[in-house]
């Protein structure tokens, strides 16, 4: 089951969500949690037997209401068997301006490369205060794609739109 929750940031949110999950006999398999602005956002992958998941589906809305969280619950299947994919990490730093993430996503999507994970952060450059953007991605490159050609195309693309980037195998 995948659970997302969003609400005003404050101490104790993780404790209450984790307690609700464990009280029903379920387990948090994977999670992502962050504060964006003044809001806390969490994404959980939860496992359990069907009856435990049903208990959790009933309990979570009560926990969410008590804590002032917006919550979404979705049953999911296990990950589909992945064809031969090579995980690569992509790091990008640039002057911040609208459209960078969209352009990066388009580059990979047009090559049938899935973005498995992505984190972005805006910050002020040291000494100058210039608005900057950093992007960290993990992409799954199909084994049939020639890596050297892909890397050359990516670096040319980044040069054209003035991005400083690195693409290398995930370690």
C-alpha atoms as a PDB file:
ATOM      1  CA  UNK A   1       0.000   0.000   0.000  1.00  0.00           C
ATOM      2  CA  UNK A   2       1.219   3.507  -0.773  1.00  0.00           C
ATOM      3  CA  UNK A   3       0.273   6.292   1.635  1.00  0.00           C
ATOM      4  CA  UNK A   4       0.873   9.996   1.147  1.00  0.00           C
ATOM      5  CA  UNK A   5       0.244  12.615   3.805  1.00  0.00           C
ATOM      6  CA  UNK A   6       0.596  16.380   3.790  1.00  0.00           C
ATOM      7  CA  UNK A   7       0.109  18.860   6.588  1.00  0.00           C
ATOM      8  CA  UNK A   8       1.526  21.712   8.581  1.00  0.00           C
ATOM      9  CA  UNK A   9       4.995  20.808   9.851  1.00  0.00           C
ATOM     10  CA  UNK A  10       5.379  20.112  13.554  1.00  0.00           C
ATOM     11  CA  UNK A  11       7.133  17.580  15.784  1.00  0.00           C
ATOM     12  CA  UNK A  12       5.456  14.197  16.234  1.00  0.00           C
ATOM     13  CA  UNK A  13       3.971  13.575  12.801  1.00  0.00           C
ATOM     14  CA  UNK A  14       6.359  10.739  11.964  1.00  0.00           C
ATOM     15  CA  UNK A  15       5.865   9.192  15.412  1.00  0.00           C
ATOM     16  CA  UNK A  16       2.067   9.163  15.054  1.00  0.00           C
ATOM     17  CA  UNK A  17       2.056   7.788  11.517  1.00  0.00           C
ATOM     18  CA  UNK A  18       4.648   5.116  12.368  1.00  0.00           C
ATOM     19  CA  UNK A  19       2.701   4.137  15.496  1.00  0.00           C
ATOM     20  CA  UNK A  20      -0.526   3.773  13.501  1.00  0.00           C
ATOM     21  CA  UNK A  21       1.274   1.569  10.970  1.00  0.00           C
ATOM     22  CA  UNK A  22       2.919  -0.635  13.604  1.00  0.00           C
ATOM     23  CA  UNK A  23      -0.242  -0.880  15.759  1.00  0.00           C
ATOM     24  CA  UNK A  24      -2.014  -2.579  12.837  1.00  0.00           C
ATOM     25  CA  UNK A  25       0.832  -5.083  12.341  1.00  0.00           C
ATOM     26  CA  UNK A  26       2.002  -3.474   9.104  1.00  0.00           C
ATOM     27  CA  UNK A  27       5.562  -2.481   8.202  1.00  0.00           C
ATOM     28  CA  UNK A  28       7.039   0.610   6.528  1.00  0.00           C
ATOM     29  CA  UNK A  29       9.113  -0.814   3.673  1.00  0.00           C
ATOM     30  CA  UNK A  30      10.240   2.454   2.103  1.00  0.00           C
ATOM     31  CA  UNK A  31       9.645   6.129   2.798  1.00  0.00           C
ATOM     32  CA  UNK A  32      10.380   9.665   1.717  1.00  0.00           C
ATOM     33  CA  UNK A  33       9.768  12.566   4.072  1.00  0.00           C
ATOM     34  CA  UNK A  34      10.545  16.246   3.735  1.00  0.00           C
ATOM     35  CA  UNK A  35       9.507  19.737   4.737  1.00  0.00           C
ATOM     36  CA  UNK A  36       8.535  21.994   1.840  1.00  0.00           C
ATOM     37  CA  UNK A  37       7.856  25.550   2.910  1.00  0.00           C
ATOM     38  CA  UNK A  38       5.914  25.134   6.143  1.00  0.00           C
ATOM     39  CA  UNK A  39       4.372  21.827   5.080  1.00  0.00           C
ATOM     40  CA  UNK A  40       5.493  18.312   5.961  1.00  0.00           C
ATOM     41  CA  UNK A  41       5.115  15.724   3.187  1.00  0.00           C
ATOM     42  CA  UNK A  42       5.517  11.971   3.542  1.00  0.00           C
ATOM     43  CA  UNK A  43       5.321   9.092   1.084  1.00  0.00           C
ATOM     44  CA  UNK A  44       5.226   5.583   2.559  1.00  0.00           C
ATOM     45  CA  UNK A  45       5.315   2.107   1.043  1.00  0.00           C
ATOM     46  CA  UNK A  46       3.669  -0.193   3.568  1.00  0.00           C
ATOM     47  CA  UNK A  47       3.492  -3.984   3.595  1.00  0.00           C
ATOM     48  CA  UNK A  48       1.351  -6.382   5.569  1.00  0.00           C
ATOM     49  CA  UNK A  49      -1.147  -9.213   5.296  1.00  0.00           C
ATOM     50  CA  UNK A  50      -4.466  -8.293   3.694  1.00  0.00           C
ATOM     51  CA  UNK A  51      -6.289  -8.029   7.045  1.00  0.00           C
ATOM     52  CA  UNK A  52      -3.540  -5.818   8.535  1.00  0.00           C
ATOM     53  CA  UNK A  53      -3.663  -3.523   5.500  1.00  0.00           C
ATOM     54  CA  UNK A  54      -7.466  -3.333   5.831  1.00  0.00           C
ATOM     55  CA  UNK A  55      -7.071  -2.309   9.503  1.00  0.00           C
ATOM     56  CA  UNK A  56      -4.560   0.338   8.478  1.00  0.00           C
ATOM     57  CA  UNK A  57      -6.886   1.668   5.769  1.00  0.00           C
ATOM     58  CA  UNK A  58      -9.523   2.162   8.482  1.00  0.00           C
ATOM     59  CA  UNK A  59      -7.140   3.642  11.083  1.00  0.00           C
ATOM     60  CA  UNK A  60      -5.191   6.123   8.935  1.00  0.00           C
ATOM     61  CA  UNK A  61      -8.072   8.517   8.173  1.00  0.00           C
ATOM     62  CA  UNK A  62      -8.731   8.896  11.926  1.00  0.00           C
ATOM     63  CA  UNK A  63      -5.035   9.580  12.597  1.00  0.00           C
ATOM     64  CA  UNK A  64      -4.930  12.048   9.712  1.00  0.00           C
ATOM     65  CA  UNK A  65      -8.017  13.921  10.903  1.00  0.00           C
ATOM     66  CA  UNK A  66      -6.690  14.137  14.477  1.00  0.00           C
ATOM     67  CA  UNK A  67      -3.378  15.543  13.172  1.00  0.00           C
ATOM     68  CA  UNK A  68      -4.799  17.862  10.497  1.00  0.00           C
ATOM     69  CA  UNK A  69      -3.213  15.901   7.631  1.00  0.00           C
ATOM     70  CA  UNK A  70      -4.482  15.363   4.127  1.00  0.00           C
ATOM     71  CA  UNK A  71      -3.991  11.697   3.350  1.00  0.00           C
ATOM     72  CA  UNK A  72      -4.243   9.487   0.281  1.00  0.00           C
ATOM     73  CA  UNK A  73      -4.134   5.681   0.382  1.00  0.00           C
ATOM     74  CA  UNK A  74      -3.646   3.435  -2.640  1.00  0.00           C
ATOM     75  CA  UNK A  75      -3.219  -0.309  -2.851  1.00  0.00           C
ATOM     76  CA  UNK A  76      -0.389  -1.278  -5.166  1.00  0.00           C
ATOM     77  CA  UNK A  77       1.271  -4.354  -6.565  1.00  0.00           C
ATOM     78  CA  UNK A  78       4.886  -5.279  -5.994  1.00  0.00           C
ATOM     79  CA  UNK A  79       7.333  -3.724  -8.419  1.00  0.00           C
ATOM     80  CA  UNK A  80       7.066  -5.132 -11.899  1.00  0.00           C
ATOM     81  CA  UNK A  81       9.976  -7.227 -13.014  1.00  0.00           C
ATOM     82  CA  UNK A  82      12.493  -4.782 -14.381  1.00  0.00           C
ATOM     83  CA  UNK A  83      13.917  -5.485 -17.750  1.00  0.00           C
ATOM     84  CA  UNK A  84      17.640  -4.991 -17.961  1.00  0.00           C
ATOM     85  CA  UNK A  85      18.136  -1.468 -16.692  1.00  0.00           C
ATOM     86  CA  UNK A  86      21.332   0.298 -15.709  1.00  0.00           C
ATOM     87  CA  UNK A  87      20.906   2.757 -12.826  1.00  0.00           C
ATOM     88  CA  UNK A  88      22.698   6.067 -13.347  1.00  0.00           C
ATOM     89  CA  UNK A  89      22.929   9.127 -11.153  1.00  0.00           C
ATOM     90  CA  UNK A  90      22.604  12.596 -12.649  1.00  0.00           C
ATOM     91  CA  UNK A  91      23.755  15.718 -10.798  1.00  0.00           C
ATOM     92  CA  UNK A  92      22.949  19.175 -12.182  1.00  0.00           C
ATOM     93  CA  UNK A  93      23.768  22.641 -10.862  1.00  0.00           C
ATOM     94  CA  UNK A  94      22.623  25.806 -12.590  1.00  0.00           C
ATOM     95  CA  UNK A  95      21.492  29.361 -12.203  1.00  0.00           C
ATOM     96  CA  UNK A  96      17.881  28.943 -11.169  1.00  0.00           C
ATOM     97  CA  UNK A  97      15.242  29.777 -13.770  1.00  0.00           C
ATOM     98  CA  UNK A  98      11.843  28.345 -14.727  1.00  0.00           C
ATOM     99  CA  UNK A  99      11.782  25.233 -16.914  1.00  0.00           C
ATOM    100  CA  UNK A 100      14.987  23.425 -15.939  1.00  0.00           C
ATOM    101  CA  UNK A 101      13.247  20.384 -14.452  1.00  0.00           C
ATOM    102  CA  UNK A 102      10.826  20.203 -17.402  1.00  0.00           C
ATOM    103  CA  UNK A 103      13.715  20.283 -19.877  1.00  0.00           C
ATOM    104  CA  UNK A 104      15.639  17.576 -18.000  1.00  0.00           C
ATOM    105  CA  UNK A 105      12.522  15.395 -17.771  1.00  0.00           C
ATOM    106  CA  UNK A 106      11.894  15.835 -21.491  1.00  0.00           C
ATOM    107  CA  UNK A 107      15.474  14.840 -22.352  1.00  0.00           C
ATOM    108  CA  UNK A 108      15.106  11.501 -20.569  1.00  0.00           C
ATOM    109  CA  UNK A 109      11.463  10.830 -21.512  1.00  0.00           C
ATOM    110  CA  UNK A 110      12.160  11.218 -25.238  1.00  0.00           C
ATOM    111  CA  UNK A 111      14.767   8.467 -24.867  1.00  0.00           C
ATOM    112  CA  UNK A 112      12.418   6.143 -22.914  1.00  0.00           C
ATOM    113  CA  UNK A 113      14.578   6.561 -19.785  1.00  0.00           C
ATOM    114  CA  UNK A 114      12.624   6.461 -16.528  1.00  0.00           C
ATOM    115  CA  UNK A 115      13.430   8.916 -13.739  1.00  0.00           C
ATOM    116  CA  UNK A 116      13.250   6.699 -10.654  1.00  0.00           C
ATOM    117  CA  UNK A 117      14.064   9.368  -8.085  1.00  0.00           C
ATOM    118  CA  UNK A 118      14.576  13.132  -8.187  1.00  0.00           C
ATOM    119  CA  UNK A 119      15.369  15.808  -5.611  1.00  0.00           C
ATOM    120  CA  UNK A 120      15.740  19.490  -6.329  1.00  0.00           C
ATOM    121  CA  UNK A 121      16.792  22.386  -4.122  1.00  0.00           C
ATOM    122  CA  UNK A 122      17.014  26.111  -4.675  1.00  0.00           C
ATOM    123  CA  UNK A 123      19.628  28.049  -2.766  1.00  0.00           C
ATOM    124  CA  UNK A 124      21.592  31.306  -2.821  1.00  0.00           C
ATOM    125  CA  UNK A 125      25.178  31.053  -4.078  1.00  0.00           C
ATOM    126  CA  UNK A 126      27.853  31.809  -1.510  1.00  0.00           C
ATOM    127  CA  UNK A 127      29.214  35.366  -1.586  1.00  0.00           C
ATOM    128  CA  UNK A 128      26.979  36.583  -4.456  1.00  0.00           C
ATOM    129  CA  UNK A 129      23.522  35.435  -3.362  1.00  0.00           C
ATOM    130  CA  UNK A 130      22.734  34.407  -6.942  1.00  0.00           C
ATOM    131  CA  UNK A 131      19.690  32.060  -7.094  1.00  0.00           C
ATOM    132  CA  UNK A 132      20.925  28.536  -7.865  1.00  0.00           C
ATOM    133  CA  UNK A 133      19.283  25.160  -8.439  1.00  0.00           C
ATOM    134  CA  UNK A 134      20.668  21.715  -7.755  1.00  0.00           C
ATOM    135  CA  UNK A 135      19.050  18.572  -9.137  1.00  0.00           C
ATOM    136  CA  UNK A 136      19.871  15.000  -8.152  1.00  0.00           C
ATOM    137  CA  UNK A 137      18.274  12.193 -10.169  1.00  0.00           C
ATOM    138  CA  UNK A 138      18.495   8.455 -10.429  1.00  0.00           C
ATOM    139  CA  UNK A 139      17.546   7.242 -13.886  1.00  0.00           C
ATOM    140  CA  UNK A 140      17.086   3.728 -15.260  1.00  0.00           C
ATOM    141  CA  UNK A 141      18.866   3.420 -18.603  1.00  0.00           C
ATOM    142  CA  UNK A 142      17.731   0.482 -20.762  1.00  0.00           C
ATOM    143  CA  UNK A 143      20.658  -1.878 -21.406  1.00  0.00           C
ATOM    144  CA  UNK A 144      20.262  -1.440 -25.179  1.00  0.00           C
ATOM    145  CA  UNK A 145      21.174   2.255 -25.083  1.00  0.00           C
ATOM    146  CA  UNK A 146      24.790   3.033 -25.918  1.00  0.00           C
ATOM    147  CA  UNK A 147      25.999   4.768 -22.747  1.00  0.00           C
ATOM    148  CA  UNK A 148      28.811   6.810 -24.308  1.00  0.00           C
ATOM    149  CA  UNK A 149      26.403   8.213 -26.908  1.00  0.00           C
ATOM    150  CA  UNK A 150      23.793   8.983 -24.248  1.00  0.00           C
ATOM    151  CA  UNK A 151      26.361  10.716 -22.058  1.00  0.00           C
ATOM    152  CA  UNK A 152      27.617  12.802 -25.030  1.00  0.00           C
ATOM    153  CA  UNK A 153      24.053  13.788 -25.959  1.00  0.00           C
ATOM    154  CA  UNK A 154      23.298  14.695 -22.345  1.00  0.00           C
ATOM    155  CA  UNK A 155      26.417  16.824 -21.967  1.00  0.00           C
ATOM    156  CA  UNK A 156      25.687  18.609 -25.275  1.00  0.00           C
ATOM    157  CA  UNK A 157      22.118  19.223 -24.106  1.00  0.00           C
ATOM    158  CA  UNK A 158      23.385  20.637 -20.788  1.00  0.00           C
ATOM    159  CA  UNK A 159      25.917  22.862 -22.556  1.00  0.00           C
ATOM    160  CA  UNK A 160      23.155  24.257 -24.808  1.00  0.00           C
ATOM    161  CA  UNK A 161      21.031  25.347 -21.843  1.00  0.00           C
ATOM    162  CA  UNK A 162      23.957  26.269 -19.575  1.00  0.00           C
ATOM    163  CA  UNK A 163      23.769  23.498 -16.977  1.00  0.00           C
ATOM    164  CA  UNK A 164      26.755  22.070 -15.133  1.00  0.00           C
ATOM    165  CA  UNK A 165      26.137  18.302 -14.994  1.00  0.00           C
ATOM    166  CA  UNK A 166      27.579  14.883 -14.252  1.00  0.00           C
ATOM    167  CA  UNK A 167      26.136  11.528 -15.312  1.00  0.00           C
ATOM    168  CA  UNK A 168      27.688   8.372 -13.908  1.00  0.00           C
ATOM    169  CA  UNK A 169      26.771   4.837 -12.831  1.00  0.00           C
ATOM    170  CA  UNK A 170      24.966   4.636  -9.510  1.00  0.00           C
ATOM    171  CA  UNK A 171      27.354   3.557  -6.793  1.00  0.00           C
END
